[in-house]
Amino acid sequence: MLKNIFLGLLLILNISFAQEMQMFQTVPKEKATLVKTDSSKEFCNVCGMHLTKFYKTSHTTEFKNGHKEQYCSLHCQAKIHNDFEDKIKTIEVVDTNSLQLIDAKNAFYVVGSSKKGTMSAVSKYAFSTLQDAQKFKNEFGGEIKTFDEALKIAKDSMFDDMSKLEDKKRTMATKGKKIYETMCIESPKNEFNSVGETKQYLIDNNICGKIKPQMLQAVSIYLTNPSLATSKENTIKVPEDSKCPVCGMFVAKFPKWVALIKTQNHAHYFDGVKDMMKFYFAPNKFAHNHSKEDFNHIQVTNYYTLEAVDGKKAFYVVGSNVYGPMGEELIPFSTLKEAENFKNTHFGKKILKFEEIKEEDLY
C-alpha cells in the first residue's frame, strides 16, 4: 500500500517537474502560425532557432516586395530592422494570450518580466490590449512599453546579449564541426549570412541527411561562423573598438576577414586583405607616416580555417564569387592546394603570392 502511494506521488512530482521544465515560449505545433513557405519555415531566419519552441516571442516581417520572414524574438527582429529598415512594410508579433499574430506597432510589450527571454536576458512579451499587459505585469513583473521602446531596448542590448551567448555558440559550433566532418557531404558553399540561411541550404541540398534538429542547429552555427570552432589562440585577436584605418568599419564585426599590420609602436586592424594592402602600399593616404620597412608583422585570416596566417607566406585568390565586407576581396589561404580548391569552386580568376599583389589591382 505504502509502495503504491509512493509511486503515485513520484508520478505526480515527475509530471509537475516536466510541466515546469517546458519553456513558457513553447506552444503545440497546431497552435503556431508560421508564415514562411520554404523548407526552413519552422526556423528563425537569423539564429535558426525553432519557431514553435519559441513561438510566444516570435515576430513576422513582410517586406515591401511581398516576401515574408519569421524570427524567434525581438532580438532577431531588431537585427533585421538594423539592416533592412527601409525595406520593411509591416511587422507582426504573437499575442502572448491568444497566440494570434497582431500588429506590432499597436501591441503592448511587457519588458523584463520574470518569464525567460528569447536570445536575450531581458524578456519581451507582447499583448493586444493594455489590460492584458497590465495583468501579466502584475503577476510576473516588468514594465509596459510600446513597440518602438521595446525595439530600442533590444537594439541597445544586442551586443551584450550576443556576448553572453558566445560561449554557448562556441560549444555548439565545436560539436557542429565534428558532426559536419563525420556525417555531412562537403558543401561547395562557404559563405552564409545567418544561421537560418545556412540551415535552409543544408535542408534543401540534403547535406547532412536526416540528422536530429539539435545536430542540424550545431552544424548550421559552425558553417555560418567557423571561427567559433577555432581555438582563440590561433586567431587574430581584435580589440572591440578597433576601426579599419582605410574604411572606418569596426573590424571585430568581421572575424572571417580580419587582417593585421604591426609596426614597432602600433597595430592596425583591417576588415579584409584589400584594405590592408591599400594601407600597405600607401599609408600616407590614411593619415599614417609609415614606410614598408616599418611593417615587421603582417597577418591575414585563412578563409577555410579562420586561423592567423603569415601574410607574406599566404596565397590569395582574386576575382571569385565570394565577397567580403568591402566587396571583391583577395581571399587568403595557408597553402597553394587550399587556394586552388577555392579558386576552382568559386570561379576565381587567379592566385597571387604576397609579392605579386599590385596596388593598381586593389582599386
Protein backbone atom coordinates (compact mmCIF):
# COMPACT_ATOMS: atom_id res chain seq x y z
CA MET A 1 0.00 0.00 0.00
CA LEU A 2 2.72 2.46 1.01
CA LYS A 3 4.66 1.48 -2.09
CA ASN A 4 1.68 2.36 -4.33
CA ILE A 5 1.22 5.72 -2.58
CA PHE A 6 4.92 6.47 -3.02
CA LEU A 7 4.82 5.58 -6.72
CA GLY A 8 1.72 7.72 -7.16
CA LEU A 9 3.40 10.73 -5.51
CA LEU A 10 6.52 10.17 -7.61
CA LEU A 11 4.43 10.16 -10.78
CA ILE A 12 2.72 13.42 -9.78
CA LEU A 13 6.09 15.02 -9.00
CA ASN A 14 7.52 13.89 -12.35
CA ILE A 15 4.53 15.30 -14.22
CA SER A 16 4.80 18.60 -12.33
CA PHE A 17 8.54 18.77 -12.98
CA ALA A 18 8.04 18.09 -16.71
CA GLN A 19 5.40 20.83 -16.87
CA GLU A 20 7.75 23.28 -15.13
CA MET A 21 10.60 22.33 -17.46
CA GLN A 22 8.56 23.12 -20.58
CA MET A 23 9.51 26.60 -21.69
CA PHE A 24 6.92 29.35 -21.37
CA GLN A 25 7.55 30.34 -25.01
CA THR A 26 6.68 26.89 -26.37
CA VAL A 27 3.26 26.02 -27.83
CA PRO A 28 1.84 22.90 -29.51
CA LYS A 29 2.65 22.81 -33.21
CA GLU A 30 -1.00 23.07 -34.24
CA LYS A 31 -1.39 26.40 -32.38
CA ALA A 32 1.55 28.10 -34.08
CA THR A 33 1.10 30.31 -37.14
CA LEU A 34 4.15 30.04 -39.39
CA VAL A 35 4.18 32.45 -42.33
CA LYS A 36 7.13 31.15 -44.35
CA THR A 37 6.53 28.66 -47.13
CA ASP A 38 10.03 27.33 -47.86
CA SER A 39 11.85 24.33 -46.38
CA SER A 40 13.06 26.39 -43.40
CA LYS A 41 9.57 27.57 -42.37
CA GLU A 42 9.98 26.12 -38.86
CA PHE A 43 13.21 28.01 -38.13
CA CYS A 44 14.14 31.62 -37.34
CA ASN A 45 15.83 33.22 -40.33
CA VAL A 46 18.51 34.89 -38.19
CA CYS A 47 19.54 32.40 -35.50
CA GLY A 48 17.95 29.18 -36.77
CA MET A 49 16.01 28.53 -33.54
CA HIS A 50 12.79 26.51 -33.76
CA LEU A 51 9.84 28.89 -34.13
CA THR A 52 7.29 26.67 -32.37
CA LYS A 53 9.61 26.21 -29.40
CA PHE A 54 9.99 29.99 -29.09
CA TYR A 55 6.60 30.90 -30.52
CA LYS A 56 5.30 33.34 -27.89
CA THR A 57 8.15 35.75 -28.62
CA SER A 58 8.19 35.34 -32.40
CA HIS A 59 7.80 38.20 -34.89
CA THR A 60 6.98 38.19 -38.60
CA THR A 61 8.08 40.71 -41.19
CA GLU A 62 6.51 41.42 -44.55
CA PHE A 63 8.89 43.27 -46.87
CA LYS A 64 7.83 45.77 -49.49
CA ASN A 65 8.42 43.20 -52.24
CA GLY A 66 5.82 40.90 -50.64
CA HIS A 67 8.33 38.44 -49.14
CA LYS A 68 7.64 37.24 -45.58
CA GLU A 69 10.07 36.06 -42.91
CA GLN A 70 9.69 34.96 -39.29
CA TYR A 71 12.00 35.43 -36.32
CA CYS A 72 12.06 33.80 -32.87
CA SER A 73 12.42 37.03 -30.89
CA LEU A 74 12.52 40.80 -30.86
CA HIS A 75 16.31 40.39 -30.63
CA CYS A 76 16.46 38.77 -34.08
CA GLN A 77 13.80 41.14 -35.43
CA ALA A 78 15.97 44.06 -34.24
CA LYS A 79 18.94 42.73 -36.20
CA ILE A 80 16.85 42.67 -39.38
CA HIS A 81 15.47 46.11 -38.54
CA ASN A 82 19.04 47.43 -38.29
CA ASP A 83 19.98 46.05 -41.70
CA PHE A 84 16.77 46.41 -43.73
CA GLU A 85 14.52 49.01 -42.07
CA ASP A 86 13.83 50.83 -45.34
CA LYS A 87 12.65 47.57 -46.98
CA ILE A 88 10.16 46.57 -44.26
CA LYS A 89 6.42 47.01 -44.91
CA THR A 90 4.80 45.58 -41.76
CA ILE A 91 5.81 43.74 -38.57
CA GLU A 92 3.58 41.43 -36.58
CA VAL A 93 4.14 39.82 -33.19
CA VAL A 94 2.48 36.91 -31.40
CA ASP A 95 -0.06 37.95 -28.76
CA THR A 96 1.04 36.02 -25.66
CA ASN A 97 -2.54 35.21 -24.65
CA SER A 98 -4.37 34.41 -27.89
CA LEU A 99 -1.28 33.18 -29.80
CA GLN A 100 -2.56 35.14 -32.82
CA LEU A 101 -0.37 37.48 -34.88
CA ILE A 102 -1.09 41.15 -34.17
CA ASP A 103 0.28 44.45 -35.48
CA ALA A 104 3.49 45.02 -33.52
CA LYS A 105 3.16 48.81 -33.75
CA ASN A 106 -0.12 48.64 -31.80
CA ALA A 107 0.98 45.99 -29.30
CA PHE A 108 1.83 46.49 -25.63
CA TYR A 109 5.12 44.87 -24.61
CA VAL A 110 5.95 43.76 -21.08
CA VAL A 111 9.73 44.07 -20.85
CA GLY A 112 11.82 42.48 -18.09
CA SER A 113 9.29 40.10 -16.53
CA SER A 114 10.31 37.01 -14.57
CA LYS A 115 9.46 34.85 -17.59
CA LYS A 116 12.55 33.80 -19.52
CA GLY A 117 13.55 35.82 -22.59
CA THR A 118 14.48 34.52 -26.04
CA MET A 119 18.00 35.36 -27.28
CA SER A 120 18.15 37.96 -24.51
CA ALA A 121 18.43 38.10 -20.74
CA VAL A 122 15.62 40.67 -20.71
CA SER A 123 12.31 39.10 -21.72
CA LYS A 124 9.83 40.85 -24.04
CA TYR A 125 6.23 39.58 -24.37
CA ALA A 126 3.54 41.32 -26.43
CA PHE A 127 -0.21 41.74 -25.83
CA SER A 128 -3.06 43.11 -27.92
CA THR A 129 -4.56 45.15 -25.08
CA LEU A 130 -3.18 47.31 -22.27
CA GLN A 131 -5.41 45.42 -19.83
CA ASP A 132 -3.79 42.07 -20.75
CA ALA A 133 -0.29 43.57 -20.49
CA GLN A 134 -1.10 45.08 -17.08
CA LYS A 135 -2.42 41.75 -15.79
CA PHE A 136 0.76 39.96 -16.96
CA LYS A 137 2.92 42.67 -15.39
CA ASN A 138 1.08 42.38 -12.05
CA GLU A 139 1.76 38.64 -11.99
CA PHE A 140 5.29 38.43 -13.40
CA GLY A 141 6.73 41.95 -13.10
CA GLY A 142 8.38 44.07 -15.80
CA GLU A 143 7.48 47.36 -17.47
CA ILE A 144 4.95 48.09 -20.20
CA LYS A 145 6.48 49.54 -23.37
CA THR A 146 5.47 50.40 -26.92
CA PHE A 147 6.95 48.51 -29.86
CA ASP A 148 9.41 51.34 -30.62
CA GLU A 149 10.54 51.45 -26.99
CA ALA A 150 10.96 47.68 -26.78
CA LEU A 151 12.79 47.62 -30.12
CA LYS A 152 15.24 50.27 -28.89
CA ILE A 153 15.91 48.21 -25.76
CA ALA A 154 16.57 45.15 -27.94
CA LYS A 155 18.94 47.12 -30.19
CA ASP A 156 20.80 48.70 -27.27
CA SER A 157 21.35 45.34 -25.57
CA MET A 158 22.19 43.40 -28.74
CA PHE A 159 25.96 43.41 -28.29
CA ASP A 160 25.73 42.33 -24.61
CA ASP A 161 23.20 39.62 -25.48
CA MET A 162 25.45 38.24 -28.21
CA SER A 163 28.47 38.30 -25.90
CA LYS A 164 26.59 36.28 -23.27
CA LEU A 165 25.64 33.70 -25.89
CA GLU A 166 29.20 33.44 -27.20
CA ASP A 167 30.36 30.53 -25.01
CA LYS A 168 27.24 28.51 -25.77
CA LYS A 169 27.66 29.16 -29.51
CA ARG A 170 31.32 28.11 -29.36
CA THR A 171 30.34 24.82 -27.71
CA MET A 172 27.64 24.24 -30.32
CA ALA A 173 29.99 25.16 -33.18
CA THR A 174 32.67 22.76 -31.93
CA LYS A 175 30.10 19.95 -31.87
CA GLY A 176 28.78 21.10 -35.25
CA LYS A 177 32.25 20.88 -36.80
CA LYS A 178 32.62 17.24 -35.69
CA ILE A 179 29.14 16.37 -36.97
CA TYR A 180 29.78 18.11 -40.29
CA GLU A 181 33.11 16.37 -40.83
CA THR A 182 31.76 12.90 -40.00
CA MET A 183 28.12 12.90 -41.13
CA CYS A 184 27.68 15.52 -43.86
CA ILE A 185 28.62 15.95 -47.50
CA GLU A 186 31.26 18.64 -48.00
CA SER A 187 29.41 21.74 -49.13
CA PRO A 188 30.73 23.87 -52.01
CA LYS A 189 29.16 26.96 -50.45
CA ASN A 190 31.28 28.60 -47.77
CA GLU A 191 29.59 31.93 -47.11
CA PHE A 192 26.28 32.32 -45.25
CA ASN A 193 24.67 35.44 -43.84
CA SER A 194 22.75 33.81 -40.99
CA VAL A 195 22.20 30.50 -39.21
CA GLY A 196 18.72 30.39 -40.73
CA GLU A 197 20.10 30.74 -44.26
CA THR A 198 22.65 28.00 -43.54
CA LYS A 199 20.00 25.68 -42.19
CA GLN A 200 17.80 26.13 -45.25
CA TYR A 201 20.79 25.41 -47.51
CA LEU A 202 21.59 22.21 -45.61
CA ILE A 203 17.98 21.04 -45.80
CA ASP A 204 17.43 21.92 -49.46
CA ASN A 205 20.63 20.21 -50.56
CA ASN A 206 20.37 17.25 -48.16
CA ILE A 207 23.93 17.97 -46.99
CA CYS A 208 23.58 16.14 -43.67
CA GLY A 209 20.71 13.75 -44.34
CA LYS A 210 18.10 13.24 -41.63
CA ILE A 211 20.00 14.29 -38.53
CA LYS A 212 18.36 15.45 -35.31
CA PRO A 213 17.24 19.13 -35.12
CA GLN A 214 19.80 19.95 -32.41
CA MET A 215 22.59 18.45 -34.52
CA LEU A 216 21.38 20.43 -37.55
CA GLN A 217 21.44 23.61 -35.43
CA ALA A 218 25.03 22.87 -34.33
CA VAL A 219 26.21 22.30 -37.91
CA SER A 220 24.46 25.48 -39.04
CA ILE A 221 26.12 27.57 -36.31
CA TYR A 222 29.52 26.14 -37.28
CA LEU A 223 29.15 26.75 -41.03
CA THR A 224 27.80 30.27 -40.50
CA ASN A 225 30.82 31.24 -38.42
CA PRO A 226 33.61 28.61 -38.43
CA SER A 227 35.75 30.86 -36.23
CA LEU A 228 33.58 29.81 -33.29
CA ALA A 229 35.08 26.32 -33.55
CA THR A 230 38.63 27.63 -33.94
CA SER A 231 40.88 27.97 -30.91
CA LYS A 232 41.11 31.62 -29.90
CA GLU A 233 44.86 31.14 -29.58
CA ASN A 234 45.16 30.63 -33.35
CA THR A 235 43.12 33.64 -34.48
CA ILE A 236 43.89 37.32 -34.82
CA LYS A 237 42.59 38.94 -31.63
CA VAL A 238 40.87 42.24 -32.39
CA PRO A 239 40.00 44.88 -29.77
CA GLU A 240 36.26 45.60 -29.89
CA ASP A 241 36.78 49.31 -30.60
CA SER A 242 39.30 48.86 -33.44
CA LYS A 243 38.37 50.57 -36.68
CA CYS A 244 39.87 49.86 -40.09
CA PRO A 245 42.12 52.85 -40.93
CA VAL A 246 41.06 52.60 -44.59
CA CYS A 247 37.25 52.35 -44.47
CA GLY A 248 36.45 53.16 -40.81
CA MET A 249 34.41 49.99 -40.13
CA PHE A 250 34.60 48.17 -36.78
CA VAL A 251 36.87 45.21 -37.56
CA ALA A 252 35.69 42.91 -34.74
CA LYS A 253 32.34 42.55 -36.51
CA PHE A 254 34.04 40.65 -39.34
CA PRO A 255 36.14 37.85 -37.77
CA LYS A 256 36.22 35.88 -41.04
CA TRP A 257 38.11 38.66 -42.81
CA VAL A 258 40.46 40.19 -40.21
CA ALA A 259 43.95 41.25 -41.30
CA LEU A 260 46.70 42.85 -39.23
CA ILE A 261 49.78 45.00 -39.77
CA LYS A 262 52.05 45.75 -36.81
CA THR A 263 54.76 48.33 -36.53
CA GLN A 264 57.10 48.74 -33.60
CA ASN A 265 54.63 51.00 -31.80
CA HIS A 266 51.21 50.30 -33.27
CA ALA A 267 48.82 47.60 -34.51
CA HIS A 268 46.50 48.32 -37.45
CA TYR A 269 43.46 46.05 -37.94
CA PHE A 270 41.58 45.70 -41.24
CA ASP A 271 38.26 44.15 -42.32
CA GLY A 272 39.86 42.45 -45.30
CA VAL A 273 43.09 41.94 -47.21
CA LYS A 274 42.14 44.51 -49.84
CA ASP A 275 42.06 47.36 -47.33
CA MET A 276 45.21 46.03 -45.66
CA MET A 277 47.08 46.15 -48.97
CA LYS A 278 45.83 49.64 -49.74
CA PHE A 279 47.33 50.70 -46.42
CA TYR A 280 50.50 48.68 -47.05
CA PHE A 281 51.19 50.45 -50.36
CA ALA A 282 50.24 53.99 -49.27
CA PRO A 283 49.77 54.53 -45.50
CA ASN A 284 50.11 58.28 -46.01
CA LYS A 285 46.73 58.27 -47.79
CA PHE A 286 45.18 57.20 -44.50
CA ALA A 287 46.89 59.68 -42.16
CA HIS A 288 49.85 57.48 -41.18
CA ASN A 289 53.53 58.15 -41.87
CA HIS A 290 54.84 54.61 -42.06
CA SER A 291 57.17 53.08 -44.61
CA LYS A 292 57.03 49.43 -45.75
CA GLU A 293 60.14 48.77 -43.69
CA ASP A 294 58.11 49.57 -40.55
CA PHE A 295 55.72 46.69 -41.24
CA ASN A 296 57.50 43.91 -39.42
CA HIS A 297 54.44 41.74 -38.74
CA ILE A 298 51.64 41.03 -41.23
CA GLN A 299 48.86 38.50 -40.62
CA VAL A 300 45.72 37.52 -42.54
CA THR A 301 42.86 35.09 -41.81
CA ASN A 302 42.73 31.76 -43.62
CA TYR A 303 39.30 31.67 -45.28
CA TYR A 304 38.77 27.95 -44.61
CA THR A 305 40.16 27.53 -41.09
CA LEU A 306 39.96 31.15 -39.83
CA GLU A 307 43.42 30.74 -38.33
CA ALA A 308 46.00 33.50 -38.44
CA VAL A 309 48.47 33.15 -41.34
CA ASP A 310 51.72 34.96 -42.10
CA GLY A 311 50.54 37.44 -44.72
CA LYS A 312 53.78 37.27 -46.70
CA LYS A 313 53.56 33.47 -46.99
CA ALA A 314 49.84 33.22 -47.83
CA PHE A 315 48.24 32.55 -51.23
CA TYR A 316 45.47 34.91 -52.39
CA VAL A 317 42.56 34.13 -54.72
CA VAL A 318 41.39 37.10 -56.81
CA GLY A 319 38.11 37.59 -58.69
CA SER A 320 35.98 34.87 -57.05
CA ASN A 321 32.22 35.00 -56.49
CA VAL A 322 32.69 35.35 -52.71
CA TYR A 323 32.59 38.89 -51.37
CA GLY A 324 33.89 40.37 -48.14
CA PRO A 325 32.61 43.36 -46.12
CA MET A 326 34.07 45.74 -48.74
CA GLY A 327 33.01 43.80 -51.84
CA GLU A 328 35.50 41.95 -54.03
CA GLU A 329 38.37 40.58 -51.99
CA LEU A 330 41.79 38.97 -52.09
CA ILE A 331 40.94 35.78 -50.22
CA PRO A 332 43.85 34.25 -48.26
CA PHE A 333 44.87 30.62 -47.70
CA SER A 334 47.79 28.89 -45.98
CA THR A 335 48.61 26.54 -48.85
CA LEU A 336 48.51 26.58 -52.64
CA LYS A 337 46.27 23.49 -52.56
CA GLU A 338 43.64 25.29 -50.48
CA ALA A 339 43.78 28.29 -52.80
CA GLU A 340 43.40 26.12 -55.91
CA ASN A 341 40.46 24.28 -54.39
CA PHE A 342 38.72 27.55 -53.57
CA LYS A 343 39.54 29.08 -56.98
CA ASN A 344 38.03 26.09 -58.81
CA THR A 345 34.91 26.05 -56.61
CA HIS A 346 34.25 29.79 -56.61
CA PHE A 347 35.26 30.82 -60.14
CA GLY A 348 38.40 32.67 -59.06
CA LYS A 349 40.43 34.33 -61.80
CA LYS A 350 43.95 33.85 -60.44
CA ILE A 351 46.10 33.05 -57.42
CA LEU A 352 48.70 35.54 -56.23
CA LYS A 353 51.55 35.41 -53.76
CA PHE A 354 52.01 38.41 -51.49
CA GLU A 355 54.81 39.92 -53.58
CA GLU A 356 52.71 39.59 -56.75
CA ILE A 357 49.91 41.86 -55.49
CA LYS A 358 50.00 45.26 -57.23
CA GLU A 359 48.48 48.48 -55.91
CA GLU A 360 46.54 49.07 -59.14
CA ASP A 361 44.75 45.72 -58.65
CA LEU A 362 43.11 46.99 -55.48
CA TYR A 363 41.01 49.78 -56.97
